[in-house]
Amino acid sequence: MLYTTTEVKVVRNYVFALWLADISHVGITAWVMGYDQFIDVAHWNSMAWGNIGVTVSYLVMVSR
């Protein structure tokens, strides 16, 4: 998508949609896990790291 357009508005809306999807994905995962399990990072399994850890690290890298 980003390589097929030169319009700034399209790129901005696309990146915003990805950001919104990532934030809601982490939020829903945290809600399903519950507060205690969400905060206990040391006991996350590989599924939690894939859902939350990778998504949050991606958000941090992109926001720089």
Protein backbone atom coordinates (compact mmCIF):
# COMPACT_ATOMS: atom_id res chain seq x y z
CA MET A 1 0.00 0.00 0.00
CA LEU A 2 2.71 2.46 0.92
CA TYR A 3 4.62 1.83 -2.31
CA THR A 4 1.57 2.26 -4.54
CA THR A 5 0.65 5.81 -3.57
CA THR A 6 2.33 9.17 -3.29
CA GLU A 7 -0.54 10.86 -1.47
CA VAL A 8 0.35 11.85 2.08
CA LYS A 9 -3.28 11.60 3.19
CA VAL A 10 -3.52 7.95 2.13
CA VAL A 11 -0.27 7.05 3.90
CA ARG A 12 -1.31 8.91 7.06
CA ASN A 13 -4.70 7.18 7.16
CA TYR A 14 -3.12 3.77 6.55
CA VAL A 15 -0.59 4.22 9.36
CA PHE A 16 -3.34 5.50 11.67
CA ALA A 17 -5.47 2.42 10.93
CA LEU A 18 -2.51 0.14 11.74
CA TRP A 19 -1.85 2.06 14.97
CA LEU A 20 -5.48 1.83 16.02
CA ALA A 21 -5.57 -1.90 15.28
CA ASP A 22 -2.40 -2.52 17.30
CA ILE A 23 -3.61 -0.50 20.29
CA SER A 24 -6.99 -2.26 20.30
CA HIS A 25 -5.29 -5.65 19.91
CA VAL A 26 -3.15 -5.07 23.00
CA GLY A 27 -6.11 -3.65 24.91
CA ILE A 28 -8.42 -6.56 24.15
CA THR A 29 -5.68 -9.07 24.96
CA ALA A 30 -5.06 -7.34 28.29
CA TRP A 31 -8.78 -7.33 29.05
CA VAL A 32 -9.10 -11.06 28.30
CA MET A 33 -5.99 -11.93 30.33
CA GLY A 34 -7.08 -9.91 33.34
CA TYR A 35 -5.11 -7.27 35.17
CA ASP A 36 -3.05 -9.61 37.38
CA GLN A 37 -1.87 -11.82 34.52
CA PHE A 38 -1.25 -8.83 32.26
CA ILE A 39 1.03 -7.16 34.80
CA ASP A 40 2.90 -10.40 35.63
CA VAL A 41 5.24 -10.24 32.62
CA ALA A 42 7.61 -12.86 34.05
CA HIS A 43 4.95 -15.56 33.70
CA TRP A 44 3.75 -14.78 30.18
CA ASN A 45 3.76 -17.73 27.79
CA SER A 46 4.84 -17.56 24.16
CA MET A 47 1.32 -16.65 23.04
CA ALA A 48 1.23 -13.62 25.34
CA TRP A 49 4.68 -12.52 24.19
CA GLY A 50 3.57 -12.85 20.58
CA ASN A 51 0.38 -10.90 21.16
CA ILE A 52 1.60 -8.19 23.49
CA GLY A 53 5.39 -8.12 23.55
CA VAL A 54 5.93 -8.06 19.82
CA THR A 55 3.10 -5.62 19.17
CA VAL A 56 4.22 -3.15 21.82
CA SER A 57 7.87 -3.35 20.72
CA TYR A 58 6.76 -2.69 17.15
CA LEU A 59 4.73 0.33 18.27
CA VAL A 60 7.71 1.70 20.17
CA MET A 61 10.05 1.26 17.20
CA VAL A 62 7.62 2.84 14.75
CA SER A 63 6.86 5.80 16.99
CA ARG A 64 10.52 6.82 17.02
